[in-house]
Amino acid sequence: MMGYLDDTSRNNLFINDNSANPAPLGLCAFGMTTLLLSFHNVGITALTSTIFAMALLYGGLAQVIVGTMEWRKSNTFGLLTFGSFGFFWITFATLLILPTLGLAKAPGPIEMALFLGVWDILAIGLFICSLKMDKVLQITLLALVVTFILLMAAQITASSTILTLGGAVGIITGALALYLGLGQVINEVYGRKVVPV
């Protein structure tokens, strides 16, 4: 028969977690998906299945999994960031896929601007949190905030110039996230700070 744990003993229980750091996967997934969409926004590529597939599976599903892993590590910031942006990518792809299937009306410019706006509110909150974290993450989240603002403005004004500018800042955002993800892995593999992150 198992012994009874009193409140003090129960509260002092902990689990040793020796699992890998999930953040690099989330950062790479976010960064690479952001890069692909931003290449489209600057006019380099068309909006094709490469972007949809990346948004649903790598930017979407992989980040949701990472968010769950961050929950396991008691990292609320990681849970919120990766979980939310995983679902952002899934939602974004779904917004574009549903109208082509005839299941919903395509969003207009105002709907898309509002969609981007609520995500920008989240990005601003995450940026505020990052002010107590490393500088590269701060710059990445600030670039994301600016990207959302420019893409909202492009929707409202129908300006291709603003859309291109939003895409350019998006490329910077994606590249920074990818740099953070790869930098963490490189530093872990080498056992020292090779890449400043």
C-alpha atoms as a PDB file:
ATOM      1  CA  MET A   1       0.000   0.000   0.000  1.00  0.00           C
ATOM      2  CA  MET A   2       1.333   3.441  -0.998  1.00  0.00           C
ATOM      3  CA  GLY A   3       2.111   5.903   1.761  1.00  0.00           C
ATOM      4  CA  TYR A   4       0.167   9.136   2.094  1.00  0.00           C
ATOM      5  CA  LEU A   5       1.998  12.323   1.105  1.00  0.00           C
ATOM      6  CA  ASP A   6       1.362  15.292   3.350  1.00  0.00           C
ATOM      7  CA  ASP A   7       0.968  18.779   1.835  1.00  0.00           C
ATOM      8  CA  THR A   8       4.590  19.742   2.449  1.00  0.00           C
ATOM      9  CA  SER A   9       5.993  16.609   0.792  1.00  0.00           C
ATOM     10  CA  ARG A  10       3.544  16.863  -2.101  1.00  0.00           C
ATOM     11  CA  ASN A  11       4.526  20.486  -2.767  1.00  0.00           C
ATOM     12  CA  ASN A  12       8.221  19.622  -2.710  1.00  0.00           C
ATOM     13  CA  LEU A  13       7.934  16.962  -5.426  1.00  0.00           C
ATOM     14  CA  PHE A  14       9.595  17.802  -8.700  1.00  0.00           C
ATOM     15  CA  ILE A  15      10.427  16.054 -11.939  1.00  0.00           C
ATOM     16  CA  ASN A  16      13.899  16.185 -13.437  1.00  0.00           C
ATOM     17  CA  ASP A  17      13.500  17.174 -17.075  1.00  0.00           C
ATOM     18  CA  ASN A  18      16.512  16.208 -19.167  1.00  0.00           C
ATOM     19  CA  SER A  19      14.709  16.545 -22.503  1.00  0.00           C
ATOM     20  CA  ALA A  20      16.090  18.661 -25.313  1.00  0.00           C
ATOM     21  CA  ASN A  21      15.445  22.388 -25.656  1.00  0.00           C
ATOM     22  CA  PRO A  22      12.417  22.713 -27.992  1.00  0.00           C
ATOM     23  CA  ALA A  23      12.900  26.437 -28.696  1.00  0.00           C
ATOM     24  CA  PRO A  24      15.273  26.047 -31.690  1.00  0.00           C
ATOM     25  CA  LEU A  25      12.652  23.988 -33.532  1.00  0.00           C
ATOM     26  CA  GLY A  26      10.015  26.636 -32.868  1.00  0.00           C
ATOM     27  CA  LEU A  27      12.303  29.488 -33.870  1.00  0.00           C
ATOM     28  CA  CYS A  28      13.376  27.767 -37.093  1.00  0.00           C
ATOM     29  CA  ALA A  29       9.782  26.869 -37.945  1.00  0.00           C
ATOM     30  CA  PHE A  30       8.640  30.443 -37.388  1.00  0.00           C
ATOM     31  CA  GLY A  31      11.640  31.939 -39.160  1.00  0.00           C
ATOM     32  CA  MET A  32      11.553  29.776 -42.281  1.00  0.00           C
ATOM     33  CA  THR A  33       7.780  30.118 -42.718  1.00  0.00           C
ATOM     34  CA  THR A  34       7.998  33.887 -42.250  1.00  0.00           C
ATOM     35  CA  LEU A  35      10.781  34.027 -44.829  1.00  0.00           C
ATOM     36  CA  LEU A  36       8.722  32.131 -47.416  1.00  0.00           C
ATOM     37  CA  LEU A  37       5.642  34.337 -47.001  1.00  0.00           C
ATOM     38  CA  SER A  38       7.788  37.469 -46.985  1.00  0.00           C
ATOM     39  CA  PHE A  39       9.435  36.444 -50.267  1.00  0.00           C
ATOM     40  CA  HIS A  40       5.913  36.446 -51.685  1.00  0.00           C
ATOM     41  CA  ASN A  41       5.106  39.831 -50.130  1.00  0.00           C
ATOM     42  CA  VAL A  42       8.132  41.455 -51.778  1.00  0.00           C
ATOM     43  CA  GLY A  43       7.131  39.920 -55.119  1.00  0.00           C
ATOM     44  CA  ILE A  44       9.811  37.237 -55.489  1.00  0.00           C
ATOM     45  CA  THR A  45       7.404  34.265 -55.452  1.00  0.00           C
ATOM     46  CA  ALA A  46       3.723  33.541 -56.010  1.00  0.00           C
ATOM     47  CA  LEU A  47       1.340  32.421 -53.266  1.00  0.00           C
ATOM     48  CA  THR A  48       1.570  28.691 -53.962  1.00  0.00           C
ATOM     49  CA  SER A  49       1.228  25.397 -52.133  1.00  0.00           C
ATOM     50  CA  THR A  50       4.808  25.743 -50.844  1.00  0.00           C
ATOM     51  CA  ILE A  51       3.657  28.546 -48.547  1.00  0.00           C
ATOM     52  CA  PHE A  52       0.402  26.808 -47.564  1.00  0.00           C
ATOM     53  CA  ALA A  53       2.142  23.521 -46.769  1.00  0.00           C
ATOM     54  CA  MET A  54       4.879  25.263 -44.797  1.00  0.00           C
ATOM     55  CA  ALA A  55       2.314  27.324 -42.863  1.00  0.00           C
ATOM     56  CA  LEU A  56       0.169  24.310 -41.974  1.00  0.00           C
ATOM     57  CA  LEU A  57       2.893  21.824 -41.092  1.00  0.00           C
ATOM     58  CA  TYR A  58       6.183  23.449 -40.157  1.00  0.00           C
ATOM     59  CA  GLY A  59       5.159  26.944 -39.128  1.00  0.00           C
ATOM     60  CA  GLY A  60       1.897  25.600 -37.732  1.00  0.00           C
ATOM     61  CA  LEU A  61       1.986  22.048 -36.426  1.00  0.00           C
ATOM     62  CA  ALA A  62       5.670  22.047 -35.425  1.00  0.00           C
ATOM     63  CA  GLN A  63       5.275  25.237 -33.374  1.00  0.00           C
ATOM     64  CA  VAL A  64       2.168  23.918 -31.623  1.00  0.00           C
ATOM     65  CA  ILE A  65       4.180  20.845 -30.638  1.00  0.00           C
ATOM     66  CA  VAL A  66       7.018  23.079 -29.424  1.00  0.00           C
ATOM     67  CA  GLY A  67       4.542  25.132 -27.383  1.00  0.00           C
ATOM     68  CA  THR A  68       3.365  21.929 -25.704  1.00  0.00           C
ATOM     69  CA  MET A  69       6.963  20.976 -24.957  1.00  0.00           C
ATOM     70  CA  GLU A  70       7.599  24.432 -23.468  1.00  0.00           C
ATOM     71  CA  TRP A  71       4.576  23.886 -21.194  1.00  0.00           C
ATOM     72  CA  ARG A  72       6.248  20.695 -19.998  1.00  0.00           C
ATOM     73  CA  LYS A  73       9.338  22.739 -19.150  1.00  0.00           C
ATOM     74  CA  SER A  74       7.239  25.325 -17.214  1.00  0.00           C
ATOM     75  CA  ASN A  75       8.106  28.034 -19.747  1.00  0.00           C
ATOM     76  CA  THR A  76       4.941  30.134 -20.026  1.00  0.00           C
ATOM     77  CA  PHE A  77       6.543  32.591 -22.456  1.00  0.00           C
ATOM     78  CA  GLY A  78       7.569  29.745 -24.781  1.00  0.00           C
ATOM     79  CA  LEU A  79       4.163  28.102 -24.469  1.00  0.00           C
ATOM     80  CA  LEU A  80       2.347  31.308 -25.387  1.00  0.00           C
ATOM     81  CA  THR A  81       4.745  32.338 -28.145  1.00  0.00           C
ATOM     82  CA  PHE A  82       5.168  29.048 -29.988  1.00  0.00           C
ATOM     83  CA  GLY A  83       1.650  27.789 -29.302  1.00  0.00           C
ATOM     84  CA  SER A  84       0.072  31.031 -30.490  1.00  0.00           C
ATOM     85  CA  PHE A  85       2.185  31.483 -33.605  1.00  0.00           C
ATOM     86  CA  GLY A  86       1.777  27.833 -34.494  1.00  0.00           C
ATOM     87  CA  PHE A  87      -1.957  28.409 -34.548  1.00  0.00           C
ATOM     88  CA  PHE A  88      -1.411  31.753 -36.321  1.00  0.00           C
ATOM     89  CA  TRP A  89       0.132  29.935 -39.281  1.00  0.00           C
ATOM     90  CA  ILE A  90      -2.568  27.261 -39.317  1.00  0.00           C
ATOM     91  CA  THR A  91      -5.255  29.963 -39.180  1.00  0.00           C
ATOM     92  CA  PHE A  92      -3.566  32.050 -41.873  1.00  0.00           C
ATOM     93  CA  ALA A  93      -3.383  29.104 -44.275  1.00  0.00           C
ATOM     94  CA  THR A  94      -6.985  28.166 -43.486  1.00  0.00           C
ATOM     95  CA  LEU A  95      -8.149  31.739 -44.210  1.00  0.00           C
ATOM     96  CA  LEU A  96      -6.743  31.424 -47.708  1.00  0.00           C
ATOM     97  CA  ILE A  97      -7.740  27.805 -48.359  1.00  0.00           C
ATOM     98  CA  LEU A  98     -11.416  27.945 -47.284  1.00  0.00           C
ATOM     99  CA  PRO A  99     -12.515  30.403 -50.005  1.00  0.00           C
ATOM    100  CA  THR A 100     -10.846  28.332 -52.749  1.00  0.00           C
ATOM    101  CA  LEU A 101     -12.849  25.326 -51.536  1.00  0.00           C
ATOM    102  CA  GLY A 102     -16.049  27.362 -51.607  1.00  0.00           C
ATOM    103  CA  LEU A 103     -16.533  26.909 -47.841  1.00  0.00           C
ATOM    104  CA  ALA A 104     -16.279  30.568 -46.816  1.00  0.00           C
ATOM    105  CA  LYS A 105     -16.109  34.041 -48.278  1.00  0.00           C
ATOM    106  CA  ALA A 106     -12.604  35.440 -48.727  1.00  0.00           C
ATOM    107  CA  PRO A 107     -11.724  38.103 -46.163  1.00  0.00           C
ATOM    108  CA  GLY A 108     -11.719  41.688 -47.370  1.00  0.00           C
ATOM    109  CA  PRO A 109      -8.968  44.212 -46.657  1.00  0.00           C
ATOM    110  CA  ILE A 110     -10.547  45.413 -43.410  1.00  0.00           C
ATOM    111  CA  GLU A 111     -11.011  41.844 -42.114  1.00  0.00           C
ATOM    112  CA  MET A 112      -7.403  41.013 -42.945  1.00  0.00           C
ATOM    113  CA  ALA A 113      -6.169  44.240 -41.334  1.00  0.00           C
ATOM    114  CA  LEU A 114      -8.097  43.418 -38.160  1.00  0.00           C
ATOM    115  CA  PHE A 115      -6.811  39.831 -38.229  1.00  0.00           C
ATOM    116  CA  LEU A 116      -3.237  41.116 -38.436  1.00  0.00           C
ATOM    117  CA  GLY A 117      -4.013  43.784 -35.825  1.00  0.00           C
ATOM    118  CA  VAL A 118      -5.054  41.387 -33.078  1.00  0.00           C
ATOM    119  CA  TRP A 119      -1.914  39.349 -33.721  1.00  0.00           C
ATOM    120  CA  ASP A 120       0.118  42.538 -33.495  1.00  0.00           C
ATOM    121  CA  ILE A 121      -1.323  43.155 -30.023  1.00  0.00           C
ATOM    122  CA  LEU A 122       0.016  39.756 -28.984  1.00  0.00           C
ATOM    123  CA  ALA A 123       3.395  40.527 -30.595  1.00  0.00           C
ATOM    124  CA  ILE A 124       3.580  43.824 -28.662  1.00  0.00           C
ATOM    125  CA  GLY A 125       2.911  41.987 -25.394  1.00  0.00           C
ATOM    126  CA  LEU A 126       5.597  39.419 -26.196  1.00  0.00           C
ATOM    127  CA  PHE A 127       8.017  42.223 -27.092  1.00  0.00           C
ATOM    128  CA  ILE A 128       7.391  43.810 -23.679  1.00  0.00           C
ATOM    129  CA  CYS A 129       8.191  40.445 -22.044  1.00  0.00           C
ATOM    130  CA  SER A 130      11.367  40.158 -24.122  1.00  0.00           C
ATOM    131  CA  LEU A 131      12.776  43.356 -22.602  1.00  0.00           C
ATOM    132  CA  LYS A 132      13.957  41.111 -19.743  1.00  0.00           C
ATOM    133  CA  MET A 133      15.520  38.640 -22.215  1.00  0.00           C
ATOM    134  CA  ASP A 134      18.337  38.709 -24.761  1.00  0.00           C
ATOM    135  CA  LYS A 135      18.764  41.540 -27.279  1.00  0.00           C
ATOM    136  CA  VAL A 136      18.409  39.424 -30.440  1.00  0.00           C
ATOM    137  CA  LEU A 137      15.010  38.166 -29.277  1.00  0.00           C
ATOM    138  CA  GLN A 138      13.965  41.743 -28.488  1.00  0.00           C
ATOM    139  CA  ILE A 139      14.945  42.903 -31.983  1.00  0.00           C
ATOM    140  CA  THR A 140      13.189  39.900 -33.559  1.00  0.00           C
ATOM    141  CA  LEU A 141       9.918  40.630 -31.768  1.00  0.00           C
ATOM    142  CA  LEU A 142      10.182  44.358 -32.497  1.00  0.00           C
ATOM    143  CA  ALA A 143      10.675  43.541 -36.187  1.00  0.00           C
ATOM    144  CA  LEU A 144       7.597  41.291 -36.002  1.00  0.00           C
ATOM    145  CA  VAL A 145       5.538  44.138 -34.514  1.00  0.00           C
ATOM    146  CA  VAL A 146       6.649  46.445 -37.353  1.00  0.00           C
ATOM    147  CA  THR A 147       5.943  43.726 -39.942  1.00  0.00           C
ATOM    148  CA  PHE A 148       2.368  43.374 -38.719  1.00  0.00           C
ATOM    149  CA  ILE A 149       1.863  47.163 -38.735  1.00  0.00           C
ATOM    150  CA  LEU A 150       3.124  47.457 -42.314  1.00  0.00           C
ATOM    151  CA  LEU A 151       1.034  44.513 -43.528  1.00  0.00           C
ATOM    152  CA  MET A 152      -2.053  46.013 -41.851  1.00  0.00           C
ATOM    153  CA  ALA A 153      -1.356  49.341 -43.547  1.00  0.00           C
ATOM    154  CA  ALA A 154      -0.893  47.570 -46.892  1.00  0.00           C
ATOM    155  CA  GLN A 155      -4.318  45.924 -46.508  1.00  0.00           C
ATOM    156  CA  ILE A 156      -6.057  49.195 -45.628  1.00  0.00           C
ATOM    157  CA  THR A 157      -4.355  51.314 -48.325  1.00  0.00           C
ATOM    158  CA  ALA A 158      -3.946  48.626 -51.024  1.00  0.00           C
ATOM    159  CA  SER A 159      -0.417  49.996 -51.464  1.00  0.00           C
ATOM    160  CA  SER A 160       2.009  47.614 -53.154  1.00  0.00           C
ATOM    161  CA  THR A 161       4.898  49.762 -51.887  1.00  0.00           C
ATOM    162  CA  ILE A 162       3.850  49.296 -48.255  1.00  0.00           C
ATOM    163  CA  LEU A 163       3.303  45.572 -48.878  1.00  0.00           C
ATOM    164  CA  THR A 164       6.824  45.294 -50.303  1.00  0.00           C
ATOM    165  CA  LEU A 165       8.209  47.177 -47.302  1.00  0.00           C
ATOM    166  CA  GLY A 166       6.276  44.847 -44.973  1.00  0.00           C
ATOM    167  CA  GLY A 167       7.729  41.891 -46.844  1.00  0.00           C
ATOM    168  CA  ALA A 168      11.244  43.292 -46.491  1.00  0.00           C
ATOM    169  CA  VAL A 169      10.856  43.742 -42.728  1.00  0.00           C
ATOM    170  CA  GLY A 170       9.295  40.257 -42.641  1.00  0.00           C
ATOM    171  CA  ILE A 171      12.434  38.853 -44.265  1.00  0.00           C
ATOM    172  CA  ILE A 172      14.491  40.474 -41.505  1.00  0.00           C
ATOM    173  CA  THR A 173      12.111  39.044 -38.877  1.00  0.00           C
ATOM    174  CA  GLY A 174      12.289  35.541 -40.331  1.00  0.00           C
ATOM    175  CA  ALA A 175      16.068  35.683 -40.722  1.00  0.00           C
ATOM    176  CA  LEU A 176      16.496  36.798 -37.097  1.00  0.00           C
ATOM    177  CA  ALA A 177      14.266  33.978 -35.797  1.00  0.00           C
ATOM    178  CA  LEU A 178      16.185  31.446 -37.900  1.00  0.00           C
ATOM    179  CA  TYR A 179      19.475  32.906 -36.621  1.00  0.00           C
ATOM    180  CA  LEU A 180      18.269  32.505 -33.019  1.00  0.00           C
ATOM    181  CA  GLY A 181      17.169  28.907 -33.557  1.00  0.00           C
ATOM    182  CA  LEU A 182      20.324  27.797 -35.340  1.00  0.00           C
ATOM    183  CA  GLY A 183      22.509  29.807 -32.982  1.00  0.00           C
ATOM    184  CA  GLN A 184      21.129  27.991 -29.949  1.00  0.00           C
ATOM    185  CA  VAL A 185      21.814  24.605 -31.533  1.00  0.00           C
ATOM    186  CA  ILE A 186      25.316  25.552 -32.697  1.00  0.00           C
ATOM    187  CA  ASN A 187      26.195  26.779 -29.206  1.00  0.00           C
ATOM    188  CA  GLU A 188      24.814  23.600 -27.640  1.00  0.00           C
ATOM    189  CA  VAL A 189      26.708  21.323 -30.046  1.00  0.00           C
ATOM    190  CA  TYR A 190      29.993  23.176 -29.529  1.00  0.00           C
ATOM    191  CA  GLY A 191      29.465  23.516 -25.764  1.00  0.00           C
ATOM    192  CA  ARG A 192      30.329  27.193 -25.817  1.00  0.00           C
ATOM    193  CA  LYS A 193      29.033  30.517 -27.136  1.00  0.00           C
ATOM    194  CA  VAL A 194      30.029  30.397 -30.809  1.00  0.00           C
ATOM    195  CA  VAL A 195      27.032  32.429 -32.037  1.00  0.00           C
ATOM    196  CA  PRO A 196      25.973  35.472 -30.004  1.00  0.00           C
ATOM    197  CA  VAL A 197      22.375  34.720 -28.985  1.00  0.00           C
END
